[in-house]
Protein backbone atom coordinates (compact mmCIF):
# COMPACT_ATOMS: atom_id res chain seq x y z
CA UNK A 1 90.15 -141.94 97.85
CA UNK A 2 90.29 -144.16 94.57
CA UNK A 3 88.23 -142.65 91.94
CA UNK A 4 87.43 -143.85 88.55
CA UNK A 5 86.33 -141.67 85.35
CA UNK A 6 84.63 -142.79 82.16
CA UNK A 7 87.28 -142.58 79.58
CA UNK A 8 85.27 -143.58 76.83
CA UNK A 9 84.81 -139.97 75.36
CA UNK A 10 88.43 -139.79 74.97
CA UNK A 11 88.67 -142.50 72.45
CA UNK A 12 87.57 -140.35 69.74
CA UNK A 13 88.30 -136.86 68.65
CA UNK A 14 87.64 -134.36 71.66
CA UNK A 15 84.28 -132.36 71.56
CA UNK A 16 82.29 -131.07 74.23
CA UNK A 17 82.06 -134.29 76.64
CA UNK A 18 85.88 -135.60 75.81
CA UNK A 19 87.12 -131.71 76.68
CA UNK A 20 85.11 -131.98 79.91
CA UNK A 21 86.29 -135.57 80.95
CA UNK A 22 90.12 -134.48 80.33
CA UNK A 23 89.72 -131.14 82.11
CA UNK A 24 87.96 -132.70 84.86
CA UNK A 25 90.17 -135.47 85.62
CA UNK A 26 93.21 -133.16 85.55
CA UNK A 27 91.84 -130.33 87.74
CA UNK A 28 90.62 -133.29 90.20
CA UNK A 29 94.10 -134.66 90.36
CA UNK A 30 95.38 -131.18 90.72
CA UNK A 31 93.21 -130.10 93.62
CA UNK A 32 93.14 -133.65 95.69
CA UNK A 33 96.67 -135.11 95.44
CA UNK A 34 95.78 -137.32 98.53
CA UNK A 35 93.32 -139.38 95.89
CA UNK A 36 94.07 -141.52 92.93
CA UNK A 37 92.31 -140.99 89.88
CA UNK A 38 91.90 -143.39 86.91
CA UNK A 39 90.49 -142.55 83.68
CA UNK A 40 89.23 -146.25 82.46
CA UNK A 41 88.18 -147.53 79.27
CA UNK A 42 88.08 -151.28 77.40
CA UNK A 43 90.87 -152.40 75.31
CA UNK A 44 88.45 -152.85 72.28
CA UNK A 45 88.60 -149.13 72.00
CA UNK A 46 91.59 -147.15 70.57
CA UNK A 47 94.09 -145.91 72.89
CA UNK A 48 93.45 -142.53 74.71
CA UNK A 49 95.85 -139.62 73.62
CA UNK A 50 96.56 -137.89 76.65
CA UNK A 51 98.19 -134.39 75.23
CA UNK A 52 96.70 -132.82 72.50
CA UNK A 53 100.05 -130.30 71.74
CA UNK A 54 103.84 -130.10 72.68
CA UNK A 55 103.09 -127.25 75.13
CA UNK A 56 100.41 -129.31 77.25
CA UNK A 57 101.60 -129.69 80.90
CA UNK A 58 102.59 -132.88 82.31
CA UNK A 59 99.96 -134.78 83.63
CA UNK A 60 99.51 -135.06 87.56
CA UNK A 61 101.25 -137.92 89.35
CA UNK A 62 97.89 -139.09 90.97
CA UNK A 63 95.98 -139.34 87.70
CA UNK A 64 96.27 -141.98 85.30
CA UNK A 65 94.43 -143.48 81.86
CA UNK A 66 93.71 -147.10 82.12
CA UNK A 67 92.84 -149.23 79.35
CA UNK A 68 91.35 -152.11 80.84
CA UNK A 69 91.90 -155.51 79.05
CA UNK A 70 88.47 -157.29 78.20
CA UNK A 71 87.83 -160.46 76.76
CA UNK A 72 84.55 -161.62 75.23
CA UNK A 73 82.65 -161.42 78.05
CA UNK A 74 83.83 -157.93 78.98
CA UNK A 75 83.21 -156.38 76.06
CA UNK A 76 79.88 -155.72 77.72
CA UNK A 77 81.65 -152.97 79.26
CA UNK A 78 78.79 -151.31 81.21
CA UNK A 79 77.00 -154.53 82.64
CA UNK A 80 80.39 -156.70 82.88
CA UNK A 81 83.70 -155.42 82.16
CA UNK A 82 83.63 -152.22 84.26
CA UNK A 83 81.95 -153.71 87.23
CA UNK A 84 84.17 -156.61 87.44
CA UNK A 85 87.32 -153.85 87.24
CA UNK A 86 85.55 -151.66 89.59
CA UNK A 87 85.46 -154.41 92.24
CA UNK A 88 88.93 -156.09 91.72
CA UNK A 89 90.66 -152.32 91.71
CA UNK A 90 89.20 -151.44 94.99
CA UNK A 91 87.67 -148.58 93.61
CA UNK A 92 85.15 -146.45 95.93
CA UNK A 93 83.63 -143.89 93.64
CA UNK A 94 83.15 -144.17 89.71
CA UNK A 95 82.22 -140.84 87.76
CA UNK A 96 80.02 -141.54 84.69
CA UNK A 97 80.87 -138.57 82.67
CA UNK A 98 78.59 -139.25 79.63
CA UNK A 99 75.42 -140.31 80.88
CA UNK A 100 76.32 -143.86 81.73
CA UNK A 101 76.96 -145.45 85.18
CA UNK A 102 77.65 -149.33 85.98
CA UNK A 103 74.17 -150.64 86.74
CA UNK A 104 75.43 -152.98 89.51
CA UNK A 105 76.42 -150.64 92.55
CA UNK A 106 79.54 -152.07 94.04
CA UNK A 107 80.66 -148.22 94.45
CA UNK A 108 79.33 -144.83 95.05
CA UNK A 109 78.40 -143.42 91.49
CA UNK A 110 78.19 -140.29 89.87
CA UNK A 111 76.43 -139.72 86.65
CA UNK A 112 76.69 -136.45 84.56
CA UNK A 113 73.70 -135.61 82.31
CA UNK A 114 74.84 -132.52 80.05
CA UNK A 115 71.61 -131.99 78.62
CA UNK A 116 68.07 -133.67 77.54
CA UNK A 117 68.34 -132.75 73.92
CA UNK A 118 67.31 -136.51 72.95
CA UNK A 119 64.48 -136.17 75.18
CA UNK A 120 63.05 -132.59 74.75
CA UNK A 121 64.25 -132.25 70.91
CA UNK A 122 64.05 -135.69 69.58
CA UNK A 123 63.40 -134.52 65.93
CA UNK A 124 67.23 -133.27 65.70
CA UNK A 125 68.40 -136.70 66.63
CA UNK A 126 68.71 -139.93 64.67
CA UNK A 127 65.75 -142.42 65.80
CA UNK A 128 67.95 -145.04 67.06
CA UNK A 129 69.70 -142.80 69.33
CA UNK A 130 66.46 -141.37 70.48
CA UNK A 131 65.14 -144.92 71.54
CA UNK A 132 68.19 -145.91 73.28
CA UNK A 133 68.15 -142.64 75.44
CA UNK A 134 64.27 -143.32 76.24
CA UNK A 135 65.14 -146.48 77.29
CA UNK A 136 68.43 -146.13 79.12
CA UNK A 137 68.88 -142.67 80.69
CA UNK A 138 66.13 -143.05 83.37
CA UNK A 139 67.71 -146.42 84.28
CA UNK A 140 71.21 -144.65 84.68
CA UNK A 141 69.72 -141.62 86.62
CA UNK A 142 68.08 -144.17 89.07
CA UNK A 143 71.05 -146.24 89.42
CA UNK A 144 73.43 -143.21 89.98
CA UNK A 145 74.02 -142.14 93.90
CA UNK A 146 74.04 -138.88 92.56
CA UNK A 147 73.50 -136.76 89.23
CA UNK A 148 75.77 -133.84 87.89
CA UNK A 149 74.30 -131.36 85.78
CA UNK A 150 76.01 -128.00 84.17
CA UNK A 151 73.31 -125.70 84.71
CA UNK A 152 70.57 -125.03 87.05
CA UNK A 153 68.23 -124.99 83.63
CA UNK A 154 69.23 -128.60 83.14
CA UNK A 155 68.66 -129.43 86.74
CA UNK A 156 65.23 -128.45 86.56
CA UNK A 157 64.47 -130.45 83.28
CA UNK A 158 66.21 -133.51 84.76
CA UNK A 159 63.93 -133.43 87.91
CA UNK A 160 60.85 -133.11 85.70
CA UNK A 161 61.76 -135.45 82.80
CA UNK A 162 63.29 -138.27 84.66
CA UNK A 163 61.25 -138.05 88.05
CA UNK A 164 64.56 -137.16 90.44
CA UNK A 165 64.35 -135.43 93.53
CA UNK A 166 66.07 -132.04 93.44
CA UNK A 167 68.32 -133.37 96.45
CA UNK A 168 69.76 -135.88 94.34
CA UNK A 169 70.76 -133.34 91.13
CA UNK A 170 73.91 -130.83 91.60
CA UNK A 171 74.45 -128.00 89.27
CA UNK A 172 78.39 -127.76 88.66
CA UNK A 173 79.38 -125.32 85.72
CA UNK A 174 81.99 -126.06 83.34
CA UNK A 175 84.57 -123.44 81.89
CA UNK A 176 86.60 -122.46 79.03
CA UNK A 177 89.93 -124.27 78.46
CA UNK A 178 92.99 -122.31 79.81
CA UNK A 179 94.36 -122.38 76.15
CA UNK A 180 91.64 -119.99 75.10
CA UNK A 181 93.07 -116.49 75.51
CA UNK A 182 93.17 -113.62 73.10
CA UNK A 183 96.10 -113.33 70.38
CA UNK A 184 96.95 -110.74 68.39
CA UNK A 185 95.62 -110.65 64.61
CA UNK A 186 98.70 -110.84 63.09
CA UNK A 187 99.24 -114.13 65.01
CA UNK A 188 96.11 -115.47 63.40
CA UNK A 189 97.19 -114.88 59.82
CA UNK A 190 98.79 -118.14 59.07
CA UNK A 191 95.73 -120.25 60.45
CA UNK A 192 93.15 -118.08 58.49
CA UNK A 193 95.43 -118.36 55.09
CA UNK A 194 95.32 -122.15 55.30
CA UNK A 195 91.71 -122.25 55.77
CA UNK A 196 90.84 -119.53 53.03
CA UNK A 197 89.38 -117.37 55.53
CA UNK A 198 89.94 -113.37 55.07
CA UNK A 199 89.97 -110.73 57.90
CA UNK A 200 86.19 -110.00 57.96
CA UNK A 201 84.35 -113.18 59.09
CA UNK A 202 81.43 -114.72 61.19
CA UNK A 203 82.33 -117.86 63.39
CA UNK A 204 80.58 -120.90 64.41
CA UNK A 205 81.90 -123.68 66.25
CA UNK A 206 80.40 -127.32 67.15
CA UNK A 207 79.36 -130.24 65.95
CA UNK A 208 77.20 -129.71 62.99
CA UNK A 209 73.94 -131.18 63.66
CA UNK A 210 70.31 -129.88 63.51
CA UNK A 211 69.89 -128.22 67.20
CA UNK A 212 72.87 -126.13 66.16
CA UNK A 213 70.21 -124.39 64.08
CA UNK A 214 72.71 -123.49 61.38
CA UNK A 215 70.27 -123.31 58.37
CA UNK A 216 68.73 -120.24 60.25
CA UNK A 217 72.21 -118.58 60.65
CA UNK A 218 72.98 -119.10 56.60
CA UNK A 219 69.72 -117.37 56.20
CA UNK A 220 70.65 -114.42 58.44
CA UNK A 221 74.14 -114.37 56.86
CA UNK A 222 72.71 -113.99 53.38
CA UNK A 223 70.39 -111.25 54.41
CA UNK A 224 73.31 -109.07 55.90
CA UNK A 225 75.55 -109.91 52.77
CA UNK A 226 72.80 -108.73 50.45
CA UNK A 227 72.39 -105.45 52.30
CA UNK A 228 76.38 -104.96 51.78
CA UNK A 229 77.09 -105.52 48.52
CA UNK A 230 80.90 -104.50 48.80
CA UNK A 231 81.60 -106.75 51.55
CA UNK A 232 83.73 -109.70 51.77
CA UNK A 233 82.10 -110.82 55.03
CA UNK A 234 82.61 -114.59 55.22
CA UNK A 235 80.60 -117.28 57.54
CA UNK A 236 83.10 -119.88 58.92
CA UNK A 237 81.51 -123.00 60.35
CA UNK A 238 84.10 -124.90 62.35
CA UNK A 239 83.40 -128.47 63.42
CA UNK A 240 83.04 -132.20 62.58
CA UNK A 241 80.11 -133.16 60.78
CA UNK A 242 77.49 -134.85 62.71
CA UNK A 243 74.05 -136.17 61.76
CA UNK A 244 71.27 -135.40 59.54
CA UNK A 245 73.25 -132.71 58.09
CA UNK A 246 71.98 -133.07 54.19
CA UNK A 247 69.45 -129.90 54.65
CA UNK A 248 72.28 -127.86 55.85
CA UNK A 249 74.44 -128.90 53.11
CA UNK A 250 71.78 -128.29 50.46
CA UNK A 251 71.36 -124.63 51.95
CA UNK A 252 74.77 -123.78 51.51
CA UNK A 253 75.08 -125.19 48.12
CA UNK A 254 72.11 -123.35 47.05
CA UNK A 255 73.02 -119.99 49.04
CA UNK A 256 73.82 -117.08 46.46
CA UNK A 257 76.98 -116.51 48.65
CA UNK A 258 77.97 -120.24 49.04
CA UNK A 259 81.49 -119.16 47.93
CA UNK A 260 81.93 -117.19 51.26
CA UNK A 261 80.54 -119.93 53.41
CA UNK A 262 83.43 -121.96 54.74
CA UNK A 263 83.14 -125.65 56.45
CA UNK A 264 86.43 -126.27 58.28
CA UNK A 265 85.73 -129.59 59.71
CA UNK A 266 87.39 -130.49 63.31
CA UNK A 267 90.07 -127.83 64.39
CA UNK A 268 92.52 -128.19 67.30
CA UNK A 269 92.67 -125.74 70.11
CA UNK A 270 95.38 -123.71 68.24
CA UNK A 271 93.44 -123.07 65.30
CA UNK A 272 90.03 -122.59 67.38
CA UNK A 273 91.87 -120.05 69.47
CA UNK A 274 93.38 -117.88 66.21
CA UNK A 275 89.60 -117.94 64.83
CA UNK A 276 87.92 -116.94 68.12
CA UNK A 277 90.51 -113.98 68.57
CA UNK A 278 89.94 -112.80 65.00
CA UNK A 279 86.45 -113.13 64.12
CA UNK A 280 84.13 -109.90 64.09
CA UNK A 281 81.53 -111.98 66.05
CA UNK A 282 80.95 -115.21 67.12
CA UNK A 283 77.27 -116.39 66.55
CA UNK A 284 75.71 -119.25 68.47
CA UNK A 285 72.10 -119.69 67.50
CA UNK A 286 71.47 -123.10 69.02
CA UNK A 287 67.64 -123.95 69.61
CA UNK A 288 68.78 -126.08 72.82
CA UNK A 289 71.92 -126.34 74.93
CA UNK A 290 72.91 -127.75 78.48
CA UNK A 291 75.56 -125.17 78.97
CA UNK A 292 77.10 -123.67 75.76
CA UNK A 293 81.14 -124.00 75.89
CA UNK A 294 81.55 -122.21 72.29
CA UNK A 295 80.27 -119.25 73.46
CA UNK A 296 82.30 -119.20 76.85
CA UNK A 297 85.47 -120.08 74.72
CA UNK A 298 84.76 -117.19 72.33
CA UNK A 299 84.26 -114.81 74.97
CA UNK A 300 87.52 -115.96 76.88
CA UNK A 301 89.20 -114.87 73.35
CA UNK A 302 87.69 -111.64 73.02
CA UNK A 303 85.03 -112.60 70.58
CA UNK A 304 81.99 -110.37 70.89
CA UNK A 305 79.03 -113.04 70.97
CA UNK A 306 75.86 -113.19 69.80
CA UNK A 307 73.71 -116.57 70.65
CA UNK A 308 70.12 -117.58 71.40
CA UNK A 309 67.75 -116.67 74.04
CA UNK A 310 67.48 -120.02 75.79
CA UNK A 311 67.66 -120.75 79.48
CA UNK A 312 71.06 -122.60 79.31
CA UNK A 313 72.80 -119.89 77.30
CA UNK A 314 71.16 -117.00 79.31
CA UNK A 315 72.61 -118.48 82.62
CA UNK A 316 76.07 -119.18 80.85
CA UNK A 317 76.72 -116.02 79.13
CA UNK A 318 74.99 -113.96 82.02
CA UNK A 319 74.43 -110.78 80.31
CA UNK A 320 77.62 -110.47 78.26
CA UNK A 321 76.23 -111.34 74.92
CA UNK A 322 73.29 -110.37 72.38
CA UNK A 323 70.45 -112.73 72.77
CA UNK A 324 68.02 -113.38 70.02
CA UNK A 325 65.16 -115.94 69.42
CA UNK A 326 67.00 -118.58 67.72
CA UNK A 327 64.80 -119.35 64.74
CA UNK A 328 63.96 -115.70 63.85
CA UNK A 329 66.10 -115.08 60.76
CA UNK A 330 65.16 -111.24 60.95
CA UNK A 331 66.08 -111.02 64.40
CA UNK A 332 69.50 -112.78 63.86
CA UNK A 333 70.21 -110.62 60.88
CA UNK A 334 69.46 -107.42 62.78
CA UNK A 335 71.87 -108.20 65.56
CA UNK A 336 74.62 -108.98 63.13
CA UNK A 337 74.09 -106.14 61.32
CA UNK A 338 74.13 -103.65 64.59
CA UNK A 339 77.21 -105.62 65.75
CA UNK A 340 79.11 -105.32 62.50
CA UNK A 341 78.26 -101.58 62.42
CA UNK A 342 79.20 -100.50 65.69
CA UNK A 343 82.81 -100.66 66.93
CA UNK A 344 81.96 -99.58 70.42
CA UNK A 345 79.49 -102.21 70.83
CA UNK A 346 81.90 -105.20 69.72
CA UNK A 347 84.36 -103.58 72.18
CA UNK A 348 81.77 -103.32 74.81
CA UNK A 349 81.00 -107.02 74.32
CA UNK A 350 84.36 -108.17 74.27
CA UNK A 351 85.32 -106.69 77.39
CA UNK A 352 81.99 -107.92 79.17
CA UNK A 353 82.63 -111.56 77.61
CA UNK A 354 86.28 -111.78 78.93
CA UNK A 355 85.14 -110.88 82.45
CA UNK A 356 82.24 -113.48 82.26
CA UNK A 357 84.46 -116.16 80.88
CA UNK A 358 86.96 -115.39 83.77
CA UNK A 359 84.24 -116.47 86.25
CA UNK A 360 84.50 -120.16 85.33
CA UNK A 361 87.37 -122.39 85.79
CA UNK A 362 88.10 -125.85 85.78
CA UNK A 363 89.66 -125.50 89.35
CA UNK A 364 86.16 -124.25 90.53
CA UNK A 365 84.49 -127.07 88.33
CA UNK A 366 86.89 -129.60 90.12
CA UNK A 367 86.13 -128.41 93.55
CA UNK A 368 82.41 -128.57 93.27
CA UNK A 369 82.54 -132.02 91.94
CA UNK A 370 84.59 -133.19 94.62
CA UNK A 371 81.84 -131.68 97.05
CA UNK A 372 79.40 -133.84 95.03
CA UNK A 373 81.62 -137.05 95.29
CA UNK A 374 81.38 -136.64 99.25
CA UNK A 375 77.38 -136.34 99.14
CA UNK A 376 77.50 -139.54 96.62
CA UNK A 377 79.65 -141.65 99.35
CA UNK A 378 77.25 -140.27 102.12
CA UNK A 379 74.32 -141.39 100.17
CA UNK A 380 75.56 -144.86 99.38
CA UNK A 381 76.62 -145.28 103.03
């Protein structure tokens, strides 16, 4: 079978959807050597970097990254450029890994919907993105042969908000990348020194945006720091700056502990691994998620995790994390204090987290995805 995947998420710095696209493509090619996989994207976008670091294993022989040459008309990628390429290449199935599929049905199509934050929490996004999603996402969901979501909680939301039958929507969990494994504290010193991070710090990871609820985290950190006047505890926020971040930046600037709050910007996997492996606790108080890769990555590196009591994160963490009401500052501060004060609790959560993270692999994700591909072909036929 000749299968295409959307390569557009790989044309910028890789975050959640980009990592999903790359890891899934590699895992699919690895377990299905009889099929050919193409990650396709238009030539008016920058060339995809297929490796992130020198020790990245070579790509499978049946996987290629195809930058499709487009002219003035083909620049309209979803309506013209991609459908034309699908037809000319003989592609049998196309997987839109980032909310989009071609509206014209030359082949079976699979659509991944990672979450419905734009519809359920529109206040946490820019208005133009919300308006586009309200217009476009229902059309894409109806056009696709089948839909993939990362959790059962999102499956229920997609059926409710987009009016899809449950038989069309399949929950396929994601996984932490293989590079995320624990390393010794001494091996993290160079990264921490470069970023100005000591040995006593809390960590959160992800694109900075309103639904990550970082203002609540800053307030909880201040509560804990006030109660420990001799402590050097730091709060490290690792991730690119997204949208509507001015209130957070103002809260950090006004904080009495602003010199102990570090915004690192985007970090590569080697740096993230060092921070996951050396933090006192990983904290993720998001008000809404579709899956929650950062908590799973932190668990894979042995970090004790505190996260939100919301459906997707409960499903992903599976009892291996402390859960709190995301907007309750005192609840979050209390959980932080309990964790910081108990070596036994941190050790227990670390062990539980590593065990939970090991249940998820990209090979498993790929096998479940291949099953969905077969269902998509059957529905089209």
